[in-house]
């Protein structure tokens, strides 16, 4: 058999790329998920901050504070807050990097971006803070541009997570770091059962009462369960080039902060 035939055979035997992906517990065409997720966040944008406080009992602020403390960001640096939503992290980073630095709040969803922009402008946070509607899988920024990238509670909604991680790796400077704050897998079976009961019974009802939208919050609970666990996500980061990767469980593993560096 010739070398060409070997290559053709290998190509024939290679697994076909999956055409579907998860949307919560439902399998959908890959090209549909982005629009479906967009509808969810168009729906929840106006009540996003209120629901964050209610859903987490305010603990999301502690998780985000820990992320900022782990960022190592300094004055004059460039920060990308990806899937930045209503701007909690971006606002803090804007103060840290100061007038010589730059923070970009990026989100694929224009409703979320508009809510975040209005919120931060009303707080008087301007100057070094900019807003960009961007897809995490194809970031519209130069290579080796940012000192820090954060993505908080957004990676699980991305259609192709590996592609997004590779895009983040590309736009990070050598020596830069990525921080992924995301819901993850509880460390104990007992906590997992309590968390499931809360997520699938209480959370949708809370969404119905406060945001008049039980379905969106049911999807958000399902998307958490479909997200890779701590070890799997760390492996995905390593596969695209991140080094010195690690993760830190918060609130018993309900949330984890993953960290990786580009060298």
C-alpha atoms as a PDB file:
ATOM      1  CA  UNK A   1       0.000   0.000   0.000  1.00  0.00           C
ATOM      2  CA  UNK A   2       1.375   3.413  -0.911  1.00  0.00           C
ATOM      3  CA  UNK A   3       1.938   6.304   1.497  1.00  0.00           C
ATOM      4  CA  UNK A   4      -0.869   8.215  -0.199  1.00  0.00           C
ATOM      5  CA  UNK A   5      -3.240   5.327   0.373  1.00  0.00           C
ATOM      6  CA  UNK A   6      -2.194   5.186   4.036  1.00  0.00           C
ATOM      7  CA  UNK A   7      -3.038   8.866   4.429  1.00  0.00           C
ATOM      8  CA  UNK A   8      -6.371   8.420   2.731  1.00  0.00           C
ATOM      9  CA  UNK A   9      -7.190   5.468   4.926  1.00  0.00           C
ATOM     10  CA  UNK A  10      -6.261   7.459   8.049  1.00  0.00           C
ATOM     11  CA  UNK A  11      -8.461  10.287   6.850  1.00  0.00           C
ATOM     12  CA  UNK A  12     -11.329   7.889   6.229  1.00  0.00           C
ATOM     13  CA  UNK A  13     -10.939   6.300   9.648  1.00  0.00           C
ATOM     14  CA  UNK A  14     -10.709   9.625  11.499  1.00  0.00           C
ATOM     15  CA  UNK A  15     -13.794  10.368  13.589  1.00  0.00           C
ATOM     16  CA  UNK A  16     -16.131  12.898  12.044  1.00  0.00           C
ATOM     17  CA  UNK A  17     -16.528  16.155  13.905  1.00  0.00           C
ATOM     18  CA  UNK A  18     -19.719  16.175  15.909  1.00  0.00           C
ATOM     19  CA  UNK A  19     -22.453  18.294  14.367  1.00  0.00           C
ATOM     20  CA  UNK A  20     -24.430  18.647  17.577  1.00  0.00           C
ATOM     21  CA  UNK A  21     -23.669  20.048  21.009  1.00  0.00           C
ATOM     22  CA  UNK A  22     -25.415  20.402  24.330  1.00  0.00           C
ATOM     23  CA  UNK A  23     -27.916  23.124  25.114  1.00  0.00           C
ATOM     24  CA  UNK A  24     -28.517  22.215  28.711  1.00  0.00           C
ATOM     25  CA  UNK A  25     -29.643  18.585  28.625  1.00  0.00           C
ATOM     26  CA  UNK A  26     -30.799  18.860  25.002  1.00  0.00           C
ATOM     27  CA  UNK A  27     -28.661  18.118  21.947  1.00  0.00           C
ATOM     28  CA  UNK A  28     -28.920  20.797  19.240  1.00  0.00           C
ATOM     29  CA  UNK A  29     -27.121  21.615  16.004  1.00  0.00           C
ATOM     30  CA  UNK A  30     -23.874  23.448  16.704  1.00  0.00           C
ATOM     31  CA  UNK A  31     -24.892  26.338  14.484  1.00  0.00           C
ATOM     32  CA  UNK A  32     -28.086  26.814  16.527  1.00  0.00           C
ATOM     33  CA  UNK A  33     -26.621  26.962  20.034  1.00  0.00           C
ATOM     34  CA  UNK A  34     -25.208  30.481  19.818  1.00  0.00           C
ATOM     35  CA  UNK A  35     -28.599  31.950  18.921  1.00  0.00           C
ATOM     36  CA  UNK A  36     -30.360  29.876  21.567  1.00  0.00           C
ATOM     37  CA  UNK A  37     -27.959  31.009  24.289  1.00  0.00           C
ATOM     38  CA  UNK A  38     -28.359  34.577  23.039  1.00  0.00           C
ATOM     39  CA  UNK A  39     -32.118  34.374  23.590  1.00  0.00           C
ATOM     40  CA  UNK A  40     -31.556  33.216  27.167  1.00  0.00           C
ATOM     41  CA  UNK A  41     -29.345  36.183  27.985  1.00  0.00           C
ATOM     42  CA  UNK A  42     -31.519  38.695  26.137  1.00  0.00           C
ATOM     43  CA  UNK A  43     -34.269  37.482  28.456  1.00  0.00           C
ATOM     44  CA  UNK A  44     -32.317  37.609  31.725  1.00  0.00           C
ATOM     45  CA  UNK A  45     -30.155  40.709  31.135  1.00  0.00           C
ATOM     46  CA  UNK A  46     -32.393  43.240  32.874  1.00  0.00           C
ATOM     47  CA  UNK A  47     -32.644  41.153  36.073  1.00  0.00           C
ATOM     48  CA  UNK A  48     -29.164  39.627  35.881  1.00  0.00           C
ATOM     49  CA  UNK A  49     -27.610  41.386  38.877  1.00  0.00           C
ATOM     50  CA  UNK A  50     -30.651  40.901  41.107  1.00  0.00           C
ATOM     51  CA  UNK A  51     -30.839  37.213  40.253  1.00  0.00           C
ATOM     52  CA  UNK A  52     -27.102  36.739  40.829  1.00  0.00           C
ATOM     53  CA  UNK A  53     -27.485  38.040  44.369  1.00  0.00           C
ATOM     54  CA  UNK A  54     -30.581  35.940  45.019  1.00  0.00           C
ATOM     55  CA  UNK A  55     -29.302  32.725  43.432  1.00  0.00           C
ATOM     56  CA  UNK A  56     -25.940  32.771  45.217  1.00  0.00           C
ATOM     57  CA  UNK A  57     -27.117  34.485  48.427  1.00  0.00           C
ATOM     58  CA  UNK A  58     -24.548  37.166  47.565  1.00  0.00           C
ATOM     59  CA  UNK A  59     -21.633  34.724  47.597  1.00  0.00           C
ATOM     60  CA  UNK A  60     -20.832  35.477  43.947  1.00  0.00           C
ATOM     61  CA  UNK A  61     -19.204  38.669  45.215  1.00  0.00           C
ATOM     62  CA  UNK A  62     -16.783  36.610  47.321  1.00  0.00           C
ATOM     63  CA  UNK A  63     -15.956  34.381  44.332  1.00  0.00           C
ATOM     64  CA  UNK A  64     -15.249  37.418  42.167  1.00  0.00           C
ATOM     65  CA  UNK A  65     -13.163  39.076  44.883  1.00  0.00           C
ATOM     66  CA  UNK A  66     -11.039  35.934  45.094  1.00  0.00           C
ATOM     67  CA  UNK A  67     -10.597  36.022  41.310  1.00  0.00           C
ATOM     68  CA  UNK A  68      -9.380  39.616  41.448  1.00  0.00           C
ATOM     69  CA  UNK A  69      -6.990  38.744  44.290  1.00  0.00           C
ATOM     70  CA  UNK A  70      -5.538  35.929  42.159  1.00  0.00           C
ATOM     71  CA  UNK A  71      -5.162  38.080  39.047  1.00  0.00           C
ATOM     72  CA  UNK A  72      -1.818  39.686  39.879  1.00  0.00           C
ATOM     73  CA  UNK A  73      -2.877  42.609  37.725  1.00  0.00           C
ATOM     74  CA  UNK A  74      -0.939  45.863  38.069  1.00  0.00           C
ATOM     75  CA  UNK A  75      -1.201  49.501  37.010  1.00  0.00           C
ATOM     76  CA  UNK A  76      -0.678  50.053  33.301  1.00  0.00           C
ATOM     77  CA  UNK A  77      -1.648  46.542  32.215  1.00  0.00           C
ATOM     78  CA  UNK A  78      -4.221  45.408  29.653  1.00  0.00           C
ATOM     79  CA  UNK A  79      -7.115  43.251  30.824  1.00  0.00           C
ATOM     80  CA  UNK A  80      -9.830  41.454  28.870  1.00  0.00           C
ATOM     81  CA  UNK A  81     -12.949  40.610  30.883  1.00  0.00           C
ATOM     82  CA  UNK A  82     -14.558  38.119  28.534  1.00  0.00           C
ATOM     83  CA  UNK A  83     -18.262  37.281  28.779  1.00  0.00           C
ATOM     84  CA  UNK A  84     -18.083  40.183  31.197  1.00  0.00           C
ATOM     85  CA  UNK A  85     -21.839  40.636  31.475  1.00  0.00           C
ATOM     86  CA  UNK A  86     -22.772  43.529  33.707  1.00  0.00           C
ATOM     87  CA  UNK A  87     -19.188  44.428  34.485  1.00  0.00           C
ATOM     88  CA  UNK A  88     -18.480  43.441  38.098  1.00  0.00           C
ATOM     89  CA  UNK A  89     -14.910  42.350  37.348  1.00  0.00           C
ATOM     90  CA  UNK A  90     -14.256  45.012  34.729  1.00  0.00           C
ATOM     91  CA  UNK A  91     -15.155  47.769  37.197  1.00  0.00           C
ATOM     92  CA  UNK A  92     -12.615  46.504  39.735  1.00  0.00           C
ATOM     93  CA  UNK A  93      -9.898  46.012  37.144  1.00  0.00           C
ATOM     94  CA  UNK A  94     -10.461  49.505  35.772  1.00  0.00           C
ATOM     95  CA  UNK A  95      -9.494  50.957  39.151  1.00  0.00           C
ATOM     96  CA  UNK A  96      -6.457  48.691  39.516  1.00  0.00           C
ATOM     97  CA  UNK A  97      -4.860  49.306  36.096  1.00  0.00           C
ATOM     98  CA  UNK A  98      -5.452  53.062  36.342  1.00  0.00           C
ATOM     99  CA  UNK A  99      -5.279  55.690  33.608  1.00  0.00           C
ATOM    100  CA  UNK A 100      -2.237  54.108  31.929  1.00  0.00           C
ATOM    101  CA  UNK A 101      -3.935  50.713  31.674  1.00  0.00           C
ATOM    102  CA  UNK A 102      -6.829  49.400  29.636  1.00  0.00           C
ATOM    103  CA  UNK A 103      -9.783  47.139  30.391  1.00  0.00           C
ATOM    104  CA  UNK A 104     -12.030  45.695  27.702  1.00  0.00           C
ATOM    105  CA  UNK A 105     -15.414  44.353  28.747  1.00  0.00           C
ATOM    106  CA  UNK A 106     -16.373  41.915  26.004  1.00  0.00           C
ATOM    107  CA  UNK A 107     -19.574  39.922  25.644  1.00  0.00           C
ATOM    108  CA  UNK A 108     -21.190  38.167  22.696  1.00  0.00           C
ATOM    109  CA  UNK A 109     -24.634  39.279  23.844  1.00  0.00           C
ATOM    110  CA  UNK A 110     -25.491  42.899  23.092  1.00  0.00           C
ATOM    111  CA  UNK A 111     -28.256  43.034  25.720  1.00  0.00           C
ATOM    112  CA  UNK A 112     -25.814  42.041  28.459  1.00  0.00           C
ATOM    113  CA  UNK A 113     -23.191  44.416  27.091  1.00  0.00           C
ATOM    114  CA  UNK A 114     -25.639  47.327  27.043  1.00  0.00           C
ATOM    115  CA  UNK A 115     -26.757  46.659  30.626  1.00  0.00           C
ATOM    116  CA  UNK A 116     -23.140  46.508  31.753  1.00  0.00           C
ATOM    117  CA  UNK A 117     -22.191  49.663  29.888  1.00  0.00           C
ATOM    118  CA  UNK A 118     -25.102  51.660  31.322  1.00  0.00           C
ATOM    119  CA  UNK A 119     -24.366  50.390  34.828  1.00  0.00           C
ATOM    120  CA  UNK A 120     -20.682  51.300  34.763  1.00  0.00           C
ATOM    121  CA  UNK A 121     -21.165  54.685  33.095  1.00  0.00           C
ATOM    122  CA  UNK A 122     -23.750  55.522  35.767  1.00  0.00           C
ATOM    123  CA  UNK A 123     -21.082  54.685  38.359  1.00  0.00           C
ATOM    124  CA  UNK A 124     -18.701  57.104  36.647  1.00  0.00           C
ATOM    125  CA  UNK A 125     -16.324  54.371  35.462  1.00  0.00           C
ATOM    126  CA  UNK A 126     -14.986  55.579  32.121  1.00  0.00           C
ATOM    127  CA  UNK A 127     -11.708  56.487  30.474  1.00  0.00           C
ATOM    128  CA  UNK A 128      -9.743  53.241  30.478  1.00  0.00           C
ATOM    129  CA  UNK A 129     -12.789  50.948  30.087  1.00  0.00           C
ATOM    130  CA  UNK A 130     -13.996  49.950  26.631  1.00  0.00           C
ATOM    131  CA  UNK A 131     -16.830  47.718  25.376  1.00  0.00           C
ATOM    132  CA  UNK A 132     -16.622  45.179  22.564  1.00  0.00           C
ATOM    133  CA  UNK A 133     -19.201  42.700  21.327  1.00  0.00           C
ATOM    134  CA  UNK A 134     -17.090  39.618  20.670  1.00  0.00           C
ATOM    135  CA  UNK A 135     -17.322  35.869  20.198  1.00  0.00           C
ATOM    136  CA  UNK A 136     -14.932  34.018  22.521  1.00  0.00           C
ATOM    137  CA  UNK A 137     -14.191  31.481  19.779  1.00  0.00           C
ATOM    138  CA  UNK A 138     -12.779  34.156  17.438  1.00  0.00           C
ATOM    139  CA  UNK A 139     -11.566  37.101  19.497  1.00  0.00           C
ATOM    140  CA  UNK A 140     -11.062  40.281  17.410  1.00  0.00           C
ATOM    141  CA  UNK A 141      -7.787  41.280  19.083  1.00  0.00           C
ATOM    142  CA  UNK A 142      -4.111  41.086  18.056  1.00  0.00           C
ATOM    143  CA  UNK A 143      -1.810  38.271  19.094  1.00  0.00           C
ATOM    144  CA  UNK A 144       0.043  38.683  22.402  1.00  0.00           C
ATOM    145  CA  UNK A 145      -2.029  41.687  23.479  1.00  0.00           C
ATOM    146  CA  UNK A 146      -3.408  41.197  27.023  1.00  0.00           C
ATOM    147  CA  UNK A 147      -1.673  40.703  30.347  1.00  0.00           C
ATOM    148  CA  UNK A 148      -4.753  39.078  31.850  1.00  0.00           C
ATOM    149  CA  UNK A 149      -7.952  37.466  30.595  1.00  0.00           C
ATOM    150  CA  UNK A 150     -10.848  36.599  32.862  1.00  0.00           C
ATOM    151  CA  UNK A 151     -14.021  34.749  31.961  1.00  0.00           C
ATOM    152  CA  UNK A 152     -16.525  34.425  34.798  1.00  0.00           C
ATOM    153  CA  UNK A 153     -19.579  32.181  34.447  1.00  0.00           C
ATOM    154  CA  UNK A 154     -19.393  32.370  30.668  1.00  0.00           C
ATOM    155  CA  UNK A 155     -17.316  29.463  29.370  1.00  0.00           C
ATOM    156  CA  UNK A 156     -20.055  26.891  29.880  1.00  0.00           C
ATOM    157  CA  UNK A 157     -22.265  28.788  27.405  1.00  0.00           C
ATOM    158  CA  UNK A 158     -19.655  28.725  24.629  1.00  0.00           C
ATOM    159  CA  UNK A 159     -20.347  26.261  21.816  1.00  0.00           C
ATOM    160  CA  UNK A 160     -16.734  25.156  21.244  1.00  0.00           C
ATOM    161  CA  UNK A 161     -14.882  25.586  24.526  1.00  0.00           C
ATOM    162  CA  UNK A 162     -11.531  24.325  23.228  1.00  0.00           C
ATOM    163  CA  UNK A 163     -11.654  26.775  20.329  1.00  0.00           C
ATOM    164  CA  UNK A 164     -12.434  29.604  22.756  1.00  0.00           C
ATOM    165  CA  UNK A 165      -9.547  28.629  25.057  1.00  0.00           C
ATOM    166  CA  UNK A 166      -7.194  28.572  22.065  1.00  0.00           C
ATOM    167  CA  UNK A 167      -8.406  32.029  21.029  1.00  0.00           C
ATOM    168  CA  UNK A 168      -7.737  33.329  24.544  1.00  0.00           C
ATOM    169  CA  UNK A 169      -4.269  31.781  24.496  1.00  0.00           C
ATOM    170  CA  UNK A 170      -3.507  33.545  21.203  1.00  0.00           C
ATOM    171  CA  UNK A 171      -4.336  37.053  22.451  1.00  0.00           C
ATOM    172  CA  UNK A 172      -2.498  36.691  25.768  1.00  0.00           C
ATOM    173  CA  UNK A 173       1.002  38.088  26.056  1.00  0.00           C
ATOM    174  CA  UNK A 174       3.825  35.715  26.987  1.00  0.00           C
ATOM    175  CA  UNK A 175       3.799  35.748  30.779  1.00  0.00           C
ATOM    176  CA  UNK A 176       0.078  36.529  30.821  1.00  0.00           C
ATOM    177  CA  UNK A 177      -2.516  34.519  32.669  1.00  0.00           C
ATOM    178  CA  UNK A 178      -6.052  33.267  32.149  1.00  0.00           C
ATOM    179  CA  UNK A 179      -8.547  32.968  35.002  1.00  0.00           C
ATOM    180  CA  UNK A 180     -11.710  30.931  34.431  1.00  0.00           C
ATOM    181  CA  UNK A 181     -14.318  31.313  37.166  1.00  0.00           C
ATOM    182  CA  UNK A 182     -17.109  28.843  36.572  1.00  0.00           C
ATOM    183  CA  UNK A 183     -19.616  26.579  38.245  1.00  0.00           C
ATOM    184  CA  UNK A 184     -18.149  23.127  38.638  1.00  0.00           C
ATOM    185  CA  UNK A 185     -18.632  19.778  40.384  1.00  0.00           C
ATOM    186  CA  UNK A 186     -19.286  19.659  44.167  1.00  0.00           C
ATOM    187  CA  UNK A 187     -16.657  17.797  46.131  1.00  0.00           C
ATOM    188  CA  UNK A 188     -19.038  15.537  48.074  1.00  0.00           C
ATOM    189  CA  UNK A 189     -22.078  13.466  47.141  1.00  0.00           C
ATOM    190  CA  UNK A 190     -24.126  15.031  49.933  1.00  0.00           C
ATOM    191  CA  UNK A 191     -23.437  18.560  48.703  1.00  0.00           C
ATOM    192  CA  UNK A 192     -24.151  17.469  45.133  1.00  0.00           C
ATOM    193  CA  UNK A 193     -27.619  16.209  46.106  1.00  0.00           C
ATOM    194  CA  UNK A 194     -28.463  19.411  47.960  1.00  0.00           C
ATOM    195  CA  UNK A 195     -27.182  21.485  45.037  1.00  0.00           C
ATOM    196  CA  UNK A 196     -29.239  19.481  42.528  1.00  0.00           C
ATOM    197  CA  UNK A 197     -32.398  19.930  44.571  1.00  0.00           C
ATOM    198  CA  UNK A 198     -31.801  23.673  44.773  1.00  0.00           C
ATOM    199  CA  UNK A 199     -30.856  24.045  41.088  1.00  0.00           C
ATOM    200  CA  UNK A 200     -33.710  22.095  39.542  1.00  0.00           C
ATOM    201  CA  UNK A 201     -36.558  22.907  41.923  1.00  0.00           C
ATOM    202  CA  UNK A 202     -35.937  26.245  43.611  1.00  0.00           C
ATOM    203  CA  UNK A 203     -33.912  28.119  40.979  1.00  0.00           C
ATOM    204  CA  UNK A 204     -36.464  27.915  38.116  1.00  0.00           C
ATOM    205  CA  UNK A 205     -39.222  29.033  40.476  1.00  0.00           C
ATOM    206  CA  UNK A 206     -37.073  31.937  41.604  1.00  0.00           C
ATOM    207  CA  UNK A 207     -36.534  32.853  37.956  1.00  0.00           C
ATOM    208  CA  UNK A 208     -40.269  32.704  37.335  1.00  0.00           C
ATOM    209  CA  UNK A 209     -41.101  34.949  40.287  1.00  0.00           C
ATOM    210  CA  UNK A 210     -38.355  37.555  39.848  1.00  0.00           C
ATOM    211  CA  UNK A 211     -37.620  37.551  36.123  1.00  0.00           C
ATOM    212  CA  UNK A 212     -40.837  35.953  34.814  1.00  0.00           C
ATOM    213  CA  UNK A 213     -38.656  33.346  33.099  1.00  0.00           C
ATOM    214  CA  UNK A 214     -38.403  29.852  34.553  1.00  0.00           C
ATOM    215  CA  UNK A 215     -37.128  28.257  31.325  1.00  0.00           C
ATOM    216  CA  UNK A 216     -33.966  30.373  31.064  1.00  0.00           C
ATOM    217  CA  UNK A 217     -32.969  29.552  34.618  1.00  0.00           C
ATOM    218  CA  UNK A 218     -33.730  25.876  34.045  1.00  0.00           C
ATOM    219  CA  UNK A 219     -31.304  26.006  31.099  1.00  0.00           C
ATOM    220  CA  UNK A 220     -28.673  27.729  33.234  1.00  0.00           C
ATOM    221  CA  UNK A 221     -28.933  24.955  35.835  1.00  0.00           C
ATOM    222  CA  UNK A 222     -28.658  22.294  33.132  1.00  0.00           C
ATOM    223  CA  UNK A 223     -25.686  24.039  31.506  1.00  0.00           C
ATOM    224  CA  UNK A 224     -23.805  23.847  34.806  1.00  0.00           C
ATOM    225  CA  UNK A 225     -24.257  20.061  34.922  1.00  0.00           C
ATOM    226  CA  UNK A 226     -23.022  19.694  31.334  1.00  0.00           C
ATOM    227  CA  UNK A 227     -19.884  21.761  31.924  1.00  0.00           C
ATOM    228  CA  UNK A 228     -16.580  19.835  32.199  1.00  0.00           C
ATOM    229  CA  UNK A 229     -15.472  18.973  35.714  1.00  0.00           C
ATOM    230  CA  UNK A 230     -12.386  20.493  37.314  1.00  0.00           C
ATOM    231  CA  UNK A 231      -9.836  17.994  36.004  1.00  0.00           C
ATOM    232  CA  UNK A 232     -11.306  17.894  32.507  1.00  0.00           C
ATOM    233  CA  UNK A 233     -11.272  21.673  32.136  1.00  0.00           C
ATOM    234  CA  UNK A 234      -7.694  21.848  33.373  1.00  0.00           C
ATOM    235  CA  UNK A 235      -6.761  19.265  30.739  1.00  0.00           C
ATOM    236  CA  UNK A 236      -8.492  21.304  28.023  1.00  0.00           C
ATOM    237  CA  UNK A 237      -6.457  24.348  29.028  1.00  0.00           C
ATOM    238  CA  UNK A 238      -3.233  22.361  28.817  1.00  0.00           C
ATOM    239  CA  UNK A 239      -4.146  20.988  25.381  1.00  0.00           C
ATOM    240  CA  UNK A 240      -4.247  24.491  23.854  1.00  0.00           C
ATOM    241  CA  UNK A 241      -0.910  25.497  25.387  1.00  0.00           C
ATOM    242  CA  UNK A 242      -1.490  26.823  28.898  1.00  0.00           C
ATOM    243  CA  UNK A 243       1.179  25.923  31.443  1.00  0.00           C
ATOM    244  CA  UNK A 244       1.366  25.843  35.240  1.00  0.00           C
ATOM    245  CA  UNK A 245      -2.375  25.204  35.283  1.00  0.00           C
ATOM    246  CA  UNK A 246      -4.218  24.797  38.558  1.00  0.00           C
ATOM    247  CA  UNK A 247      -7.670  25.143  40.032  1.00  0.00           C
ATOM    248  CA  UNK A 248      -9.058  26.168  43.384  1.00  0.00           C
ATOM    249  CA  UNK A 249     -12.446  24.933  44.565  1.00  0.00           C
ATOM    250  CA  UNK A 250     -14.759  27.473  46.158  1.00  0.00           C
ATOM    251  CA  UNK A 251     -17.844  26.720  48.258  1.00  0.00           C
ATOM    252  CA  UNK A 252     -17.160  22.999  48.216  1.00  0.00           C
ATOM    253  CA  UNK A 253     -16.534  22.819  44.480  1.00  0.00           C
ATOM    254  CA  UNK A 254     -19.821  24.422  43.472  1.00  0.00           C
ATOM    255  CA  UNK A 255     -17.527  26.949  41.812  1.00  0.00           C
ATOM    256  CA  UNK A 256     -13.898  26.566  40.750  1.00  0.00           C
ATOM    257  CA  UNK A 257     -11.300  29.105  39.684  1.00  0.00           C
ATOM    258  CA  UNK A 258      -8.943  27.707  37.036  1.00  0.00           C
ATOM    259  CA  UNK A 259      -5.636  29.434  36.304  1.00  0.00           C
ATOM    260  CA  UNK A 260      -3.202  28.984  33.438  1.00  0.00           C
ATOM    261  CA  UNK A 261      -0.179  30.867  32.095  1.00  0.00           C
ATOM    262  CA  UNK A 262       1.222  31.512  28.623  1.00  0.00           C
ATOM    263  CA  UNK A 263       5.020  31.353  28.351  1.00  0.00           C
END
